[in-house]
């Protein structure tokens, strides 16, 4: 004989010790930005790594150029 499975409870418990549902709060802020400030706010995720990598490349090129200049002068 196959035993009959009990139906699972899907009703929300609302007793005295039930967890309280907290309301979801969505905070929206408005800011008056300049055109450049708004562009930076919109493109920050893409622009920051590009600026960092380009600064590192420029520094390395400058260091290599200085090393070549020093080696050629000696």
N, C-alpha and C. Protein backbone atom coordinates (compact mmCIF):
# COMPACT_ATOMS: atom_id res chain seq x y z
N UNK A 1 0.82 -1.19 0.00
CA UNK A 1 0.00 0.00 0.00
C UNK A 1 0.86 1.25 0.00
N UNK A 2 0.54 2.13 -0.87
CA UNK A 2 1.29 3.38 -0.95
C UNK A 2 0.69 4.38 0.04
N UNK A 3 1.59 4.98 0.80
CA UNK A 3 1.11 5.99 1.74
C UNK A 3 0.82 7.29 1.02
N UNK A 4 -0.24 7.93 1.45
CA UNK A 4 -0.63 9.19 0.84
C UNK A 4 0.24 10.30 1.43
N UNK A 5 0.82 11.17 0.56
CA UNK A 5 1.66 12.27 1.05
C UNK A 5 0.78 13.38 1.57
N UNK A 6 1.23 13.98 2.68
CA UNK A 6 0.51 15.12 3.23
C UNK A 6 0.71 16.34 2.34
N UNK A 7 -0.32 17.15 2.27
CA UNK A 7 -0.20 18.40 1.50
C UNK A 7 0.69 19.36 2.28
N UNK A 8 1.61 20.00 1.59
CA UNK A 8 2.53 20.93 2.26
C UNK A 8 1.81 22.22 2.56
N UNK A 9 2.16 22.81 3.69
CA UNK A 9 1.54 24.07 4.11
C UNK A 9 2.13 25.21 3.30
N UNK A 10 1.29 26.02 2.66
CA UNK A 10 1.77 27.16 1.91
C UNK A 10 1.14 28.46 2.40
N UNK A 11 0.41 28.40 3.50
CA UNK A 11 -0.22 29.59 4.06
C UNK A 11 0.79 30.29 4.97
N UNK A 12 0.83 31.62 4.91
CA UNK A 12 1.76 32.40 5.72
C UNK A 12 1.31 32.38 7.17
N UNK A 13 2.26 32.10 8.07
CA UNK A 13 1.94 32.08 9.50
C UNK A 13 1.82 33.50 10.03
N UNK A 14 0.70 33.80 10.68
CA UNK A 14 0.46 35.15 11.18
C UNK A 14 0.21 35.16 12.68
N UNK A 15 0.81 34.24 13.39
CA UNK A 15 0.62 34.17 14.83
C UNK A 15 1.33 35.30 15.56
N UNK A 16 1.24 35.27 16.90
CA UNK A 16 1.80 36.34 17.72
C UNK A 16 3.32 36.38 17.61
N UNK A 17 3.97 35.25 17.41
CA UNK A 17 5.44 35.21 17.33
C UNK A 17 5.94 35.13 15.89
N UNK A 18 5.09 35.49 14.94
CA UNK A 18 5.50 35.47 13.53
C UNK A 18 6.46 36.62 13.25
N UNK A 19 7.32 36.43 12.27
CA UNK A 19 8.27 37.48 11.89
C UNK A 19 7.50 38.63 11.25
N UNK A 20 7.90 39.84 11.61
CA UNK A 20 7.22 41.01 11.05
C UNK A 20 7.77 41.30 9.66
N UNK A 21 6.88 41.61 8.75
CA UNK A 21 7.30 42.01 7.41
C UNK A 21 7.65 43.48 7.43
N UNK A 22 8.87 43.76 7.06
CA UNK A 22 9.31 45.15 7.01
C UNK A 22 8.96 45.73 5.64
N UNK A 23 8.49 46.96 5.59
CA UNK A 23 8.19 47.55 4.28
C UNK A 23 9.49 47.83 3.52
N UNK A 24 9.42 47.71 2.21
CA UNK A 24 10.57 47.97 1.36
C UNK A 24 10.65 49.47 1.12
N UNK A 25 11.81 50.06 1.43
CA UNK A 25 12.00 51.49 1.26
C UNK A 25 12.94 51.72 0.08
N UNK A 26 12.49 52.48 -0.89
CA UNK A 26 13.32 52.84 -2.03
C UNK A 26 13.67 54.31 -1.91
N UNK A 27 14.96 54.59 -1.80
CA UNK A 27 15.40 55.98 -1.67
C UNK A 27 15.82 56.51 -3.02
N UNK A 28 15.29 57.64 -3.38
CA UNK A 28 15.63 58.28 -4.64
C UNK A 28 16.13 59.68 -4.32
N UNK A 29 17.28 60.02 -4.87
CA UNK A 29 17.82 61.36 -4.65
C UNK A 29 18.00 62.06 -5.99
N UNK A 30 17.83 63.34 -5.94
CA UNK A 30 18.03 64.14 -7.14
C UNK A 30 19.20 65.08 -6.91
N UNK A 31 20.00 65.28 -7.92
CA UNK A 31 21.16 66.17 -7.80
C UNK A 31 21.27 67.02 -9.06
N UNK A 32 21.58 68.27 -8.85
CA UNK A 32 21.84 69.16 -9.98
C UNK A 32 23.32 69.08 -10.31
N UNK A 33 23.63 68.47 -11.44
CA UNK A 33 25.03 68.30 -11.83
C UNK A 33 25.30 69.09 -13.09
N UNK A 34 26.56 69.45 -13.26
CA UNK A 34 26.96 70.08 -14.52
C UNK A 34 26.98 69.00 -15.60
N UNK A 35 27.16 69.41 -16.84
CA UNK A 35 27.19 68.43 -17.93
C UNK A 35 28.34 67.45 -17.75
N UNK A 36 29.51 67.98 -17.35
CA UNK A 36 30.66 67.11 -17.14
C UNK A 36 30.42 66.18 -15.94
N UNK A 37 29.86 66.73 -14.86
CA UNK A 37 29.57 65.91 -13.69
C UNK A 37 28.57 64.82 -13.98
N UNK A 38 27.55 65.12 -14.77
CA UNK A 38 26.56 64.11 -15.14
C UNK A 38 27.18 63.04 -16.04
N UNK A 39 28.05 63.45 -16.97
CA UNK A 39 28.73 62.48 -17.84
C UNK A 39 29.58 61.55 -17.00
N UNK A 40 30.33 62.11 -16.03
CA UNK A 40 31.19 61.29 -15.16
C UNK A 40 30.34 60.33 -14.35
N UNK A 41 29.20 60.78 -13.82
CA UNK A 41 28.31 59.93 -13.03
C UNK A 41 27.79 58.77 -13.88
N UNK A 42 27.46 59.03 -15.14
CA UNK A 42 26.91 57.99 -16.01
C UNK A 42 27.97 57.02 -16.51
N UNK A 43 29.21 57.48 -16.75
CA UNK A 43 30.24 56.67 -17.39
C UNK A 43 31.38 56.28 -16.46
N UNK A 44 31.21 56.43 -15.16
CA UNK A 44 32.28 56.20 -14.19
C UNK A 44 32.83 54.78 -14.25
N UNK A 45 31.95 53.79 -14.39
CA UNK A 45 32.39 52.39 -14.38
C UNK A 45 33.31 52.07 -15.54
N UNK A 46 33.11 52.73 -16.68
CA UNK A 46 33.94 52.47 -17.85
C UNK A 46 35.16 53.37 -17.86
N UNK A 47 34.98 54.63 -17.47
CA UNK A 47 36.05 55.62 -17.59
C UNK A 47 37.17 55.41 -16.56
N UNK A 48 36.83 55.01 -15.34
CA UNK A 48 37.86 54.86 -14.30
C UNK A 48 38.96 53.86 -14.67
N UNK A 49 38.63 52.62 -15.05
CA UNK A 49 39.70 51.68 -15.42
C UNK A 49 40.51 52.15 -16.62
N UNK A 50 39.84 52.78 -17.59
CA UNK A 50 40.57 53.27 -18.76
C UNK A 50 41.56 54.35 -18.35
N UNK A 51 41.15 55.27 -17.47
CA UNK A 51 42.06 56.32 -17.00
C UNK A 51 43.23 55.75 -16.20
N UNK A 52 42.97 54.77 -15.36
CA UNK A 52 44.04 54.15 -14.56
C UNK A 52 45.04 53.45 -15.47
N UNK A 53 44.55 52.66 -16.43
CA UNK A 53 45.45 51.93 -17.33
C UNK A 53 46.27 52.91 -18.18
N UNK A 54 45.62 53.97 -18.67
CA UNK A 54 46.36 54.93 -19.49
C UNK A 54 47.41 55.66 -18.66
N UNK A 55 47.14 55.97 -17.40
CA UNK A 55 48.13 56.61 -16.53
C UNK A 55 49.33 55.68 -16.30
N UNK A 56 49.08 54.40 -16.11
CA UNK A 56 50.16 53.43 -15.91
C UNK A 56 51.00 53.31 -17.19
N UNK A 57 50.36 53.26 -18.33
CA UNK A 57 51.09 53.15 -19.61
C UNK A 57 51.94 54.39 -19.84
N UNK A 58 51.39 55.57 -19.59
CA UNK A 58 52.16 56.81 -19.76
C UNK A 58 53.36 56.85 -18.82
N UNK A 59 53.16 56.41 -17.56
CA UNK A 59 54.27 56.39 -16.60
C UNK A 59 55.36 55.42 -17.06
N UNK A 60 54.97 54.26 -17.56
CA UNK A 60 55.97 53.28 -18.02
C UNK A 60 56.72 53.80 -19.24
N UNK A 61 56.03 54.42 -20.17
CA UNK A 61 56.70 54.98 -21.35
C UNK A 61 57.68 56.07 -20.93
N UNK A 62 57.27 56.92 -19.99
CA UNK A 62 58.16 57.99 -19.51
C UNK A 62 59.39 57.40 -18.82
N UNK A 63 59.20 56.37 -17.98
CA UNK A 63 60.35 55.74 -17.30
C UNK A 63 61.30 55.09 -18.30
N UNK A 64 60.77 54.41 -19.28
CA UNK A 64 61.63 53.77 -20.29
C UNK A 64 62.38 54.83 -21.09
N UNK A 65 61.71 55.93 -21.44
CA UNK A 65 62.37 57.01 -22.16
C UNK A 65 63.49 57.62 -21.34
N UNK A 66 63.27 57.80 -20.06
CA UNK A 66 64.30 58.37 -19.17
C UNK A 66 65.48 57.39 -19.04
N UNK A 67 65.18 56.10 -18.92
CA UNK A 67 66.26 55.11 -18.83
C UNK A 67 67.10 55.11 -20.11
N UNK A 68 66.46 55.21 -21.26
CA UNK A 68 67.20 55.26 -22.52
C UNK A 68 68.04 56.53 -22.58
N UNK A 69 67.48 57.65 -22.14
CA UNK A 69 68.22 58.91 -22.15
C UNK A 69 69.44 58.86 -21.23
N UNK A 70 69.26 58.27 -20.05
CA UNK A 70 70.38 58.14 -19.10
C UNK A 70 71.44 57.19 -19.65
N UNK A 71 71.02 56.07 -20.22
CA UNK A 71 71.97 55.08 -20.76
C UNK A 71 72.72 55.68 -21.96
N UNK A 72 72.07 56.48 -22.76
CA UNK A 72 72.73 57.07 -23.94
C UNK A 72 73.68 58.18 -23.51
N UNK A 73 73.37 58.87 -22.43
CA UNK A 73 74.24 59.97 -21.96
C UNK A 73 75.48 59.46 -21.24
N UNK A 74 75.45 58.27 -20.70
CA UNK A 74 76.59 57.74 -19.94
C UNK A 74 77.63 57.14 -20.78
